[in-house]
Structures are given as structure tokens and as C-alpha cells.
Amino acid sequence: MNRSVLRILILDEHATTREPLHAEIAPRVEVRAIAGTGDRQAPMREIEAFTPDVVLIDLDSNTNHAFDTAKAIHERRPGTKLVFVAADFSNYALARALATDAVGCLIKTDPLPDLLDALTRISDGERYYAPAVQRRMVLHAGRPSIAPDAQSPITDLTPRQLEVLRLLAEGRSKRQIAESLHISAKTVGSHVEKLMQRLDVHDRVALARMAIREGVIEP
């Protein structure tokens, strides 16, 4: 990796991952690392100021916020390469990561030399997906996507169904969900019935467990 041509921004809540990676790659490239804050615009301000070539985004702290950030980067700085880092990727998280056209998915518990090798490949214009991730991927029309046998049923939910699932899994009542989404409680009830049918679960507890398992909400 060449310091003069590569800028990397690390967005990671966990100092145990962020700091060793920052220390290791700093002599090789221009790198900044920031932790998450209550200010959700902070990452975008940093990106606008730093103009990184590659952004490493941690998925383990707030999955939905991570994907919101990735979407904003893709819209405002489409040339920026997106790389997701996680202890593990649920099928749902992997599908969402690939949908953002991420050039890499890294497992943060992999040895540091492996992560550095991945960043070297990405800086050279390659894509890199950790072996544990590759096993659940296929190439379709030259682009990576999640393999059919690894598809999460949540992936096919509509945005509204996904929002209802998230709020339901957070423990909101139907009335609270209705108020939050500005719809009627009857409509919420209809969404919940369709969710249970589509996901083949039969109570709210099972819905919440699935949402946590698939990374829709954090445990």
C-alpha cells in the first residue's frame, strides 16, 4: 500500500479492533479512525473533510446505522470504496452489504496480517471477501451476491414490513408502532400478520429473536 495514493477511514466503535488496525496501517497509508458518537452526521463530516479512498465500516455496534452511513457515502461520494468489518455476518447483513456494492467484507477476528493483505488487494483494485463470507456468495452477471441457499427470508421484506419488524422487536406496542409510522393500529396488525406468515413464525418473541439473529436490531 502506498501512502501517497491511498486514504483509509475506519468507522469502528470498538477500540480493540480500531486501534491495532490503525496503528498497523498508519505507517503505510494515510489513515484516520473515529468511533461512533451520538452525532450521526459525524462520519459524513469526516468523510467530506478527509475524502478517503476506502472506508472501513464496523457492523457490530449499530447495523442499521452502518448501512445508513454506507448509503449516504454511496450517494454523496460514489467513488469511495466501502468495506464492512464484523465479527460475523448474518445472511441478512451479508445480503445488505453486497447490495451496497461493498468491495470487501472482513472478519475482524481474522489475524491482522490477513486484514492488511485484504486492504492491499482492495487498494490495488480487487475485491476481497473473507473465506467464511465467500462460501455464501455467488457471482451473478459479474457481481457478487448471496447464494440462494443462504438467502435470509428477511431480505425480501418490504421497507415498511422491515420497519414494523424492527419496532416490534424493540418491544414497541402496536399503538406505539402506529404512532411512530403515522399509520393506524389496524394497519400495523395487518403488517404483523403478514410478517408472521412470510417468516413462518407465530409470536412476537420469535419475531424478535429472528430480528436479532439476522442483525435487524442489536441484542
C-alpha atoms as a PDB file:
ATOM      1  CA  MET A   1       0.000   0.000   0.000  1.00  0.00           C
ATOM      2  CA  ASN A   2       1.287   3.435  -0.918  1.00  0.00           C
ATOM      3  CA  ARG A   3       0.726   6.332   1.451  1.00  0.00           C
ATOM      4  CA  SER A   4       0.639   8.830  -1.425  1.00  0.00           C
ATOM      5  CA  VAL A   5      -2.303   7.194  -3.209  1.00  0.00           C
ATOM      6  CA  LEU A   6      -4.473   5.631  -0.501  1.00  0.00           C
ATOM      7  CA  ARG A   7      -6.533   7.195   2.249  1.00  0.00           C
ATOM      8  CA  ILE A   8      -8.447   4.938   4.651  1.00  0.00           C
ATOM      9  CA  LEU A   9     -11.096   5.957   7.162  1.00  0.00           C
ATOM     10  CA  ILE A  10     -12.031   3.481   9.901  1.00  0.00           C
ATOM     11  CA  LEU A  11     -15.508   3.798  11.428  1.00  0.00           C
ATOM     12  CA  ASP A  12     -15.478   1.395  14.356  1.00  0.00           C
ATOM     13  CA  GLU A  13     -16.988   1.620  17.838  1.00  0.00           C
ATOM     14  CA  HIS A  14     -14.556  -0.927  19.266  1.00  0.00           C
ATOM     15  CA  ALA A  15     -11.127   0.325  20.302  1.00  0.00           C
ATOM     16  CA  THR A  16      -9.852  -3.268  20.484  1.00  0.00           C
ATOM     17  CA  THR A  17     -10.264  -3.502  16.713  1.00  0.00           C
ATOM     18  CA  ARG A  18      -9.894   0.114  15.668  1.00  0.00           C
ATOM     19  CA  GLU A  19      -6.665   0.994  17.454  1.00  0.00           C
ATOM     20  CA  PRO A  20      -4.471  -2.010  16.483  1.00  0.00           C
ATOM     21  CA  LEU A  21      -5.586  -1.755  12.865  1.00  0.00           C
ATOM     22  CA  HIS A  22      -4.951   1.983  12.842  1.00  0.00           C
ATOM     23  CA  ALA A  23      -1.503   1.533  14.384  1.00  0.00           C
ATOM     24  CA  GLU A  24      -0.552  -1.194  11.922  1.00  0.00           C
ATOM     25  CA  ILE A  25      -1.576   0.517   8.707  1.00  0.00           C
ATOM     26  CA  ALA A  26      -0.688   4.118   9.648  1.00  0.00           C
ATOM     27  CA  PRO A  27       2.967   3.741   8.534  1.00  0.00           C
ATOM     28  CA  ARG A  28       1.764   2.504   5.148  1.00  0.00           C
ATOM     29  CA  VAL A  29      -1.163   4.766   4.239  1.00  0.00           C
ATOM     30  CA  GLU A  30      -2.859   7.964   5.294  1.00  0.00           C
ATOM     31  CA  VAL A  31      -5.446   6.781   7.785  1.00  0.00           C
ATOM     32  CA  ARG A  32      -7.947   8.191  10.245  1.00  0.00           C
ATOM     33  CA  ALA A  33     -10.079   6.299  12.714  1.00  0.00           C
ATOM     34  CA  ILE A  34     -13.136   7.535  14.552  1.00  0.00           C
ATOM     35  CA  ALA A  35     -15.516   5.906  16.986  1.00  0.00           C
ATOM     36  CA  GLY A  36     -19.253   6.264  16.773  1.00  0.00           C
ATOM     37  CA  THR A  37     -20.835   9.219  18.554  1.00  0.00           C
ATOM     38  CA  GLY A  38     -24.331  10.375  19.326  1.00  0.00           C
ATOM     39  CA  ASP A  39     -23.971  12.660  16.319  1.00  0.00           C
ATOM     40  CA  ARG A  40     -24.862  10.511  13.325  1.00  0.00           C
ATOM     41  CA  GLN A  41     -23.629  13.163  10.906  1.00  0.00           C
ATOM     42  CA  ALA A  42     -20.086  12.992  12.293  1.00  0.00           C
ATOM     43  CA  PRO A  43     -18.923  10.213   9.925  1.00  0.00           C
ATOM     44  CA  MET A  44     -20.140  12.125   6.867  1.00  0.00           C
ATOM     45  CA  ARG A  45     -18.440  15.321   8.013  1.00  0.00           C
ATOM     46  CA  GLU A  46     -15.217  13.370   8.465  1.00  0.00           C
ATOM     47  CA  ILE A  47     -15.584  11.824   5.017  1.00  0.00           C
ATOM     48  CA  GLU A  48     -16.194  15.205   3.388  1.00  0.00           C
ATOM     49  CA  ALA A  49     -13.121  16.642   5.110  1.00  0.00           C
ATOM     50  CA  PHE A  50     -10.785  13.663   4.667  1.00  0.00           C
ATOM     51  CA  THR A  51     -12.034  12.374   1.260  1.00  0.00           C
ATOM     52  CA  PRO A  52     -10.907   8.783   1.855  1.00  0.00           C
ATOM     53  CA  ASP A  53     -10.426   6.245  -0.913  1.00  0.00           C
ATOM     54  CA  VAL A  54     -11.611   3.394   1.336  1.00  0.00           C
ATOM     55  CA  VAL A  55     -13.994   3.443   4.299  1.00  0.00           C
ATOM     56  CA  LEU A  56     -13.992   0.521   6.729  1.00  0.00           C
ATOM     57  CA  ILE A  57     -17.385   0.331   8.447  1.00  0.00           C
ATOM     58  CA  ASP A  58     -17.966  -1.700  11.614  1.00  0.00           C
ATOM     59  CA  LEU A  59     -21.232  -3.667  11.588  1.00  0.00           C
ATOM     60  CA  ASP A  60     -21.179  -4.938  15.161  1.00  0.00           C
ATOM     61  CA  SER A  61     -22.361  -1.843  17.038  1.00  0.00           C
ATOM     62  CA  ASN A  62     -25.326  -0.457  15.133  1.00  0.00           C
ATOM     63  CA  THR A  63     -26.057  -2.398  11.975  1.00  0.00           C
ATOM     64  CA  ASN A  64     -28.832  -0.175  10.661  1.00  0.00           C
ATOM     65  CA  HIS A  65     -26.810   2.997  11.228  1.00  0.00           C
ATOM     66  CA  ALA A  66     -23.832   1.379   9.482  1.00  0.00           C
ATOM     67  CA  PHE A  67     -25.899   0.700   6.373  1.00  0.00           C
ATOM     68  CA  ASP A  68     -27.448   4.170   6.513  1.00  0.00           C
ATOM     69  CA  THR A  69     -23.917   5.596   6.563  1.00  0.00           C
ATOM     70  CA  ALA A  70     -22.877   3.360   3.678  1.00  0.00           C
ATOM     71  CA  LYS A  71     -25.880   4.513   1.641  1.00  0.00           C
ATOM     72  CA  ALA A  72     -25.052   8.164   2.322  1.00  0.00           C
ATOM     73  CA  ILE A  73     -21.429   7.618   1.274  1.00  0.00           C
ATOM     74  CA  HIS A  74     -22.503   5.850  -1.898  1.00  0.00           C
ATOM     75  CA  GLU A  75     -24.869   8.707  -2.792  1.00  0.00           C
ATOM     76  CA  ARG A  76     -22.568  11.615  -1.912  1.00  0.00           C
ATOM     77  CA  ARG A  77     -19.157  10.131  -2.769  1.00  0.00           C
ATOM     78  CA  PRO A  78     -19.857   7.269  -5.207  1.00  0.00           C
ATOM     79  CA  GLY A  79     -16.178   6.665  -5.956  1.00  0.00           C
ATOM     80  CA  THR A  80     -15.412   5.727  -2.352  1.00  0.00           C
ATOM     81  CA  LYS A  81     -14.764   2.021  -1.770  1.00  0.00           C
ATOM     82  CA  LEU A  82     -16.866   0.508   1.014  1.00  0.00           C
ATOM     83  CA  VAL A  83     -15.553  -2.316   3.191  1.00  0.00           C
ATOM     84  CA  PHE A  84     -17.586  -3.847   6.017  1.00  0.00           C
ATOM     85  CA  VAL A  85     -15.970  -5.380   9.083  1.00  0.00           C
ATOM     86  CA  ALA A  86     -17.775  -7.658  11.560  1.00  0.00           C
ATOM     87  CA  ALA A  87     -17.172 -10.490  13.984  1.00  0.00           C
ATOM     88  CA  ASP A  88     -19.623 -12.440  11.834  1.00  0.00           C
ATOM     89  CA  PHE A  89     -22.037 -11.674   9.008  1.00  0.00           C
ATOM     90  CA  SER A  90     -25.608 -12.893   9.264  1.00  0.00           C
ATOM     91  CA  ASN A  91     -27.119 -13.814   5.907  1.00  0.00           C
ATOM     92  CA  TYR A  92     -29.257 -10.690   6.093  1.00  0.00           C
ATOM     93  CA  ALA A  93     -26.259  -8.440   6.871  1.00  0.00           C
ATOM     94  CA  LEU A  94     -24.228 -10.032   4.083  1.00  0.00           C
ATOM     95  CA  ALA A  95     -27.038  -9.504   1.576  1.00  0.00           C
ATOM     96  CA  ARG A  96     -27.322  -5.846   2.565  1.00  0.00           C
ATOM     97  CA  ALA A  97     -23.552  -5.370   2.400  1.00  0.00           C
ATOM     98  CA  LEU A  98     -23.385  -6.802  -1.102  1.00  0.00           C
ATOM     99  CA  ALA A  99     -26.353  -4.664  -2.138  1.00  0.00           C
ATOM    100  CA  THR A 100     -24.277  -1.556  -1.331  1.00  0.00           C
ATOM    101  CA  ASP A 101     -21.654  -2.796  -3.821  1.00  0.00           C
ATOM    102  CA  ALA A 102     -19.144  -3.260  -0.998  1.00  0.00           C
ATOM    103  CA  VAL A 103     -15.709  -4.206  -2.329  1.00  0.00           C
ATOM    104  CA  GLY A 104     -14.893  -6.147   0.818  1.00  0.00           C
ATOM    105  CA  CYS A 105     -16.315  -7.972   3.828  1.00  0.00           C
ATOM    106  CA  LEU A 106     -13.736  -8.692   6.512  1.00  0.00           C
ATOM    107  CA  ILE A 107     -13.930 -10.751   9.698  1.00  0.00           C
ATOM    108  CA  LYS A 108     -12.438  -8.659  12.477  1.00  0.00           C
ATOM    109  CA  THR A 109     -11.200 -11.701  14.415  1.00  0.00           C
ATOM    110  CA  ASP A 110      -9.037 -12.809  11.476  1.00  0.00           C
ATOM    111  CA  PRO A 111      -5.282 -12.334  12.002  1.00  0.00           C
ATOM    112  CA  LEU A 112      -4.124  -8.768  11.464  1.00  0.00           C
ATOM    113  CA  PRO A 113      -1.803  -9.749   8.557  1.00  0.00           C
ATOM    114  CA  ASP A 114      -4.859 -11.161   6.742  1.00  0.00           C
ATOM    115  CA  LEU A 115      -6.713  -7.871   7.177  1.00  0.00           C
ATOM    116  CA  LEU A 116      -3.701  -5.958   5.883  1.00  0.00           C
ATOM    117  CA  ASP A 117      -3.456  -8.285   2.888  1.00  0.00           C
ATOM    118  CA  ALA A 118      -7.143  -7.671   2.191  1.00  0.00           C
ATOM    119  CA  LEU A 119      -6.632  -3.907   2.273  1.00  0.00           C
ATOM    120  CA  THR A 120      -3.637  -4.227  -0.052  1.00  0.00           C
ATOM    121  CA  ARG A 121      -5.742  -6.140  -2.576  1.00  0.00           C
ATOM    122  CA  ILE A 122      -8.580  -3.655  -2.312  1.00  0.00           C
ATOM    123  CA  SER A 123      -6.182  -0.728  -2.798  1.00  0.00           C
ATOM    124  CA  ASP A 124      -4.962  -2.471  -5.962  1.00  0.00           C
ATOM    125  CA  GLY A 125      -8.493  -2.502  -7.340  1.00  0.00           C
ATOM    126  CA  GLU A 126      -9.526  -6.014  -6.308  1.00  0.00           C
ATOM    127  CA  ARG A 127     -12.474  -7.129  -4.229  1.00  0.00           C
ATOM    128  CA  TYR A 128     -11.838  -9.161  -1.110  1.00  0.00           C
ATOM    129  CA  TYR A 129     -14.294 -11.214   0.925  1.00  0.00           C
ATOM    130  CA  ALA A 130     -13.182 -13.309   3.873  1.00  0.00           C
ATOM    131  CA  PRO A 131     -13.326 -17.081   3.209  1.00  0.00           C
ATOM    132  CA  ALA A 132     -16.175 -17.500   5.699  1.00  0.00           C
ATOM    133  CA  VAL A 133     -18.137 -14.961   3.667  1.00  0.00           C
ATOM    134  CA  GLN A 134     -17.166 -16.265   0.223  1.00  0.00           C
ATOM    135  CA  ARG A 135     -18.751 -19.626   0.959  1.00  0.00           C
ATOM    136  CA  ARG A 136     -22.158 -17.949   0.988  1.00  0.00           C
ATOM    137  CA  MET A 137     -21.666 -15.931  -2.195  1.00  0.00           C
ATOM    138  CA  VAL A 138     -22.111 -16.451  -5.927  1.00  0.00           C
ATOM    139  CA  LEU A 139     -21.290 -14.329  -8.946  1.00  0.00           C
ATOM    140  CA  HIS A 140     -24.259 -13.100 -10.928  1.00  0.00           C
ATOM    141  CA  ALA A 141     -23.586 -11.128 -14.113  1.00  0.00           C
ATOM    142  CA  GLY A 142     -20.086 -10.483 -12.819  1.00  0.00           C
ATOM    143  CA  ARG A 143     -21.274  -9.084  -9.482  1.00  0.00           C
ATOM    144  CA  PRO A 144     -21.212 -10.866  -6.129  1.00  0.00           C
ATOM    145  CA  SER A 145     -24.495 -11.721  -4.448  1.00  0.00           C
ATOM    146  CA  ILE A 146     -25.582 -14.014  -1.662  1.00  0.00           C
ATOM    147  CA  ALA A 147     -26.064 -17.663  -2.640  1.00  0.00           C
ATOM    148  CA  PRO A 148     -29.673 -18.855  -2.954  1.00  0.00           C
ATOM    149  CA  ASP A 149     -29.270 -21.372  -0.128  1.00  0.00           C
ATOM    150  CA  ALA A 150     -28.013 -18.604   2.181  1.00  0.00           C
ATOM    151  CA  GLN A 151     -30.815 -16.140   1.496  1.00  0.00           C
ATOM    152  CA  SER A 152     -32.460 -14.697   4.581  1.00  0.00           C
ATOM    153  CA  PRO A 153     -36.269 -14.521   4.454  1.00  0.00           C
ATOM    154  CA  ILE A 154     -35.940 -11.004   5.856  1.00  0.00           C
ATOM    155  CA  THR A 155     -34.167  -9.844   2.696  1.00  0.00           C
ATOM    156  CA  ASP A 156     -37.423  -9.987   0.738  1.00  0.00           C
ATOM    157  CA  LEU A 157     -39.466  -7.924   3.183  1.00  0.00           C
ATOM    158  CA  THR A 158     -40.758  -4.573   2.019  1.00  0.00           C
ATOM    159  CA  PRO A 159     -39.230  -1.468   3.668  1.00  0.00           C
ATOM    160  CA  ARG A 160     -42.453  -0.968   5.654  1.00  0.00           C
ATOM    161  CA  GLN A 161     -42.514  -4.583   6.849  1.00  0.00           C
ATOM    162  CA  LEU A 162     -38.877  -4.299   7.863  1.00  0.00           C
ATOM    163  CA  GLU A 163     -39.580  -1.144   9.848  1.00  0.00           C
ATOM    164  CA  VAL A 164     -42.535  -2.781  11.616  1.00  0.00           C
ATOM    165  CA  LEU A 165     -40.369  -5.809  12.411  1.00  0.00           C
ATOM    166  CA  ARG A 166     -37.632  -3.606  13.857  1.00  0.00           C
ATOM    167  CA  LEU A 167     -40.017  -1.650  16.075  1.00  0.00           C
ATOM    168  CA  LEU A 168     -41.845  -4.800  17.142  1.00  0.00           C
ATOM    169  CA  ALA A 169     -38.549  -6.458  18.075  1.00  0.00           C
ATOM    170  CA  GLU A 170     -37.616  -3.384  20.123  1.00  0.00           C
ATOM    171  CA  GLY A 171     -40.675  -4.062  22.271  1.00  0.00           C
ATOM    172  CA  ARG A 172     -43.000  -1.384  20.898  1.00  0.00           C
ATOM    173  CA  SER A 173     -46.723  -1.963  21.155  1.00  0.00           C
ATOM    174  CA  LYS A 174     -48.946  -1.838  18.079  1.00  0.00           C
ATOM    175  CA  ARG A 175     -50.210   1.571  19.187  1.00  0.00           C
ATOM    176  CA  GLN A 176     -46.660   2.880  19.587  1.00  0.00           C
ATOM    177  CA  ILE A 177     -45.667   1.500  16.180  1.00  0.00           C
ATOM    178  CA  ALA A 178     -48.727   3.126  14.623  1.00  0.00           C
ATOM    179  CA  GLU A 179     -47.810   6.493  16.158  1.00  0.00           C
ATOM    180  CA  SER A 180     -44.179   6.183  15.088  1.00  0.00           C
ATOM    181  CA  LEU A 181     -45.032   5.298  11.484  1.00  0.00           C
ATOM    182  CA  HIS A 182     -48.126   7.526  11.250  1.00  0.00           C
ATOM    183  CA  ILE A 183     -50.403   4.645  10.298  1.00  0.00           C
ATOM    184  CA  SER A 184     -53.392   3.046  12.007  1.00  0.00           C
ATOM    185  CA  ALA A 185     -53.106   0.285  14.589  1.00  0.00           C
ATOM    186  CA  LYS A 186     -55.236  -1.851  12.272  1.00  0.00           C
ATOM    187  CA  THR A 187     -52.644  -1.442   9.511  1.00  0.00           C
ATOM    188  CA  VAL A 188     -49.890  -2.375  11.953  1.00  0.00           C
ATOM    189  CA  GLY A 189     -51.831  -5.506  12.870  1.00  0.00           C
ATOM    190  CA  SER A 190     -52.089  -6.405   9.192  1.00  0.00           C
ATOM    191  CA  HIS A 191     -48.339  -5.975   8.758  1.00  0.00           C
ATOM    192  CA  VAL A 192     -47.650  -8.170  11.795  1.00  0.00           C
ATOM    193  CA  GLU A 193     -49.903 -10.943  10.449  1.00  0.00           C
ATOM    194  CA  LYS A 194     -48.132 -10.833   7.083  1.00  0.00           C
ATOM    195  CA  LEU A 195     -44.728 -10.876   8.793  1.00  0.00           C
ATOM    196  CA  MET A 196     -45.625 -13.990  10.749  1.00  0.00           C
ATOM    197  CA  GLN A 197     -46.903 -15.728   7.630  1.00  0.00           C
ATOM    198  CA  ARG A 198     -43.938 -14.713   5.500  1.00  0.00           C
ATOM    199  CA  LEU A 199     -41.297 -15.573   8.112  1.00  0.00           C
ATOM    200  CA  ASP A 200     -43.148 -18.669   9.356  1.00  0.00           C
ATOM    201  CA  VAL A 201     -43.144 -17.576  12.988  1.00  0.00           C
ATOM    202  CA  HIS A 202     -46.121 -17.435  15.282  1.00  0.00           C
ATOM    203  CA  ASP A 203     -45.485 -14.924  18.066  1.00  0.00           C
ATOM    204  CA  ARG A 204     -43.711 -11.659  18.836  1.00  0.00           C
ATOM    205  CA  VAL A 205     -40.920 -13.349  20.790  1.00  0.00           C
ATOM    206  CA  ALA A 206     -39.983 -15.461  17.781  1.00  0.00           C
ATOM    207  CA  LEU A 207     -40.064 -12.359  15.569  1.00  0.00           C
ATOM    208  CA  ALA A 208     -37.736 -10.520  17.961  1.00  0.00           C
ATOM    209  CA  ARG A 209     -35.313 -13.445  18.093  1.00  0.00           C
ATOM    210  CA  MET A 210     -35.188 -13.610  14.305  1.00  0.00           C
ATOM    211  CA  ALA A 211     -34.640  -9.854  14.066  1.00  0.00           C
ATOM    212  CA  ILE A 212     -31.700 -10.065  16.481  1.00  0.00           C
ATOM    213  CA  ARG A 213     -30.243 -13.154  14.797  1.00  0.00           C
ATOM    214  CA  GLU A 214     -30.362 -11.516  11.387  1.00  0.00           C
ATOM    215  CA  GLY A 215     -28.951  -8.214  12.598  1.00  0.00           C
ATOM    216  CA  VAL A 216     -32.100  -6.129  12.105  1.00  0.00           C
ATOM    217  CA  ILE A 217     -31.686  -4.894  15.685  1.00  0.00           C
ATOM    218  CA  GLU A 218     -28.858  -5.256  18.149  1.00  0.00           C
ATOM    219  CA  PRO A 219     -29.322  -7.635  21.117  1.00  0.00           C
END
